Amino acid sequence: MREILSSFLETEITDQEYYDGIIQFIYSANIRYGEYECNQFVVKKMDLTNFIVFEEYVIDEKREIHQSFSISKSSLIRAINKFAKKQGLRIRNFEWAN
C-alpha cells in the first residue's frame, strides 16, 4: 500500500489546482459515492469515510485496474496534506471545501 500511496501523492499532488480538486472531493459531504479522476489515478469514494485509490489503465478499450488500496478518509487527508505541505502548497480545511 505504501508504494501505491507514494506514487499517487508524487503523481497527483503536484500543484495547488490538482490538490484543491482532490481535497475538495474528499471533504465534500454532498458527494457520498463516486469517483474523482486525477491525471493517472482514480480516487473512489465508497461512502463518506472510506476510499479506494487505484491506477487505471485502458487497454483495448477496456478498463483495467492492477493495484489498489483502501484507506480511511482521515488517513487519506493526513497523507495528502503532509505531502502537500512539503510541496509548499496551501493546505485546505473542511470549511473551505464546503
Protein backbone atom coordinates (compact mmCIF):
# COMPACT_ATOMS: atom_id res chain seq x y z
CA MET A 1 0.00 0.00 0.00
CA ARG A 2 2.81 2.43 0.87
CA GLU A 3 4.30 2.20 -2.63
CA ILE A 4 0.99 2.94 -4.35
CA LEU A 5 0.20 5.76 -1.91
CA SER A 6 3.63 7.32 -2.51
CA SER A 7 3.18 7.02 -6.27
CA PHE A 8 -0.30 8.58 -6.00
CA LEU A 9 0.99 11.54 -3.98
CA GLU A 10 4.00 12.15 -6.22
CA THR A 11 1.89 11.96 -9.39
CA GLU A 12 -1.25 13.81 -8.34
CA ILE A 13 -0.29 16.36 -5.67
CA THR A 14 1.94 18.42 -7.94
CA ASP A 15 0.30 21.85 -7.81
CA GLN A 16 -2.37 23.81 -5.97
CA GLU A 17 -5.12 23.24 -8.55
CA TYR A 18 -4.76 19.45 -8.51
CA TYR A 19 -4.53 19.38 -4.71
CA ASP A 20 -7.63 21.60 -4.36
CA GLY A 21 -9.74 19.40 -6.63
CA ILE A 22 -8.81 16.18 -4.89
CA ILE A 23 -9.15 17.52 -1.35
CA GLN A 24 -12.49 19.15 -2.12
CA PHE A 25 -13.83 15.84 -3.43
CA ILE A 26 -12.63 14.02 -0.32
CA TYR A 27 -14.05 16.61 2.11
CA SER A 28 -17.39 17.06 0.33
CA ALA A 29 -20.32 15.75 2.34
CA ASN A 30 -22.56 16.32 -0.69
CA ILE A 31 -20.76 13.60 -2.63
CA ARG A 32 -21.47 10.38 -0.78
CA TYR A 33 -20.28 7.99 -3.51
CA GLY A 34 -18.35 8.46 -6.70
CA GLU A 35 -15.02 8.75 -8.46
CA TYR A 36 -12.57 11.57 -8.92
CA GLU A 37 -10.39 11.05 -11.97
CA CYS A 38 -6.95 12.51 -11.46
CA ASN A 39 -4.21 12.52 -14.09
CA GLN A 40 -3.18 8.91 -13.63
CA PHE A 41 -5.05 7.68 -10.57
CA VAL A 42 -8.70 7.46 -9.56
CA VAL A 43 -9.96 8.20 -6.05
CA LYS A 44 -13.16 6.26 -5.45
CA LYS A 45 -15.37 7.34 -2.56
CA MET A 46 -17.19 4.29 -1.22
CA ASP A 47 -19.06 6.29 1.41
CA LEU A 48 -18.28 9.37 3.46
CA THR A 49 -15.36 7.76 5.32
CA ASN A 50 -13.89 5.05 3.06
CA PHE A 51 -11.91 5.39 -0.15
CA ILE A 52 -10.17 3.20 -2.70
CA VAL A 53 -7.27 4.64 -4.69
CA PHE A 54 -6.15 2.91 -7.86
CA GLU A 55 -4.22 3.42 -11.04
CA GLU A 56 -6.45 2.93 -14.05
CA TYR A 57 -5.39 1.66 -17.44
CA VAL A 58 -7.42 1.41 -20.63
CA ILE A 59 -6.23 -1.49 -22.76
CA ASP A 60 -8.13 -2.47 -25.90
CA GLU A 61 -10.88 -0.07 -24.83
CA LYS A 62 -11.35 -1.98 -21.58
CA ARG A 63 -10.76 -0.59 -18.11
CA GLU A 64 -8.13 -2.47 -16.13
CA ILE A 65 -7.05 -1.97 -12.54
CA HIS A 66 -3.84 -3.70 -11.49
CA GLN A 67 -3.25 -2.37 -7.98
CA SER A 68 -5.42 -0.56 -5.46
CA PHE A 69 -5.63 0.17 -1.78
CA SER A 70 -8.38 1.14 0.61
CA ILE A 71 -7.90 3.93 3.09
CA SER A 72 -9.98 5.86 5.60
CA LYS A 73 -10.86 9.49 4.98
CA SER A 74 -8.78 10.72 7.90
CA SER A 75 -5.69 8.75 6.81
CA LEU A 76 -6.02 9.90 3.21
CA ILE A 77 -6.40 13.56 4.20
CA ARG A 78 -3.46 13.30 6.60
CA ALA A 79 -1.21 11.76 3.89
CA ILE A 80 -2.25 14.26 1.21
CA ASN A 81 -1.87 17.29 3.48
CA LYS A 82 1.52 16.15 4.78
CA PHE A 83 2.78 15.72 1.22
CA ALA A 84 1.20 18.98 0.02
CA LYS A 85 2.80 20.90 2.90
CA LYS A 86 6.23 19.58 1.86
CA GLN A 87 5.48 20.82 -1.68
CA GLY A 88 4.72 24.28 -0.34
CA LEU A 89 1.02 24.14 -1.22
CA ARG A 90 -1.68 25.92 0.75
CA ILE A 91 -3.44 23.39 2.98
CA ARG A 92 -7.24 23.48 2.81
CA ASN A 93 -9.68 22.64 5.59
CA PHE A 94 -13.20 21.24 5.68
CA GLU A 95 -14.86 24.67 5.83
CA TRP A 96 -13.05 25.80 2.66
CA ALA A 97 -14.30 22.75 0.74
CA ASN A 98 -17.96 23.00 1.76
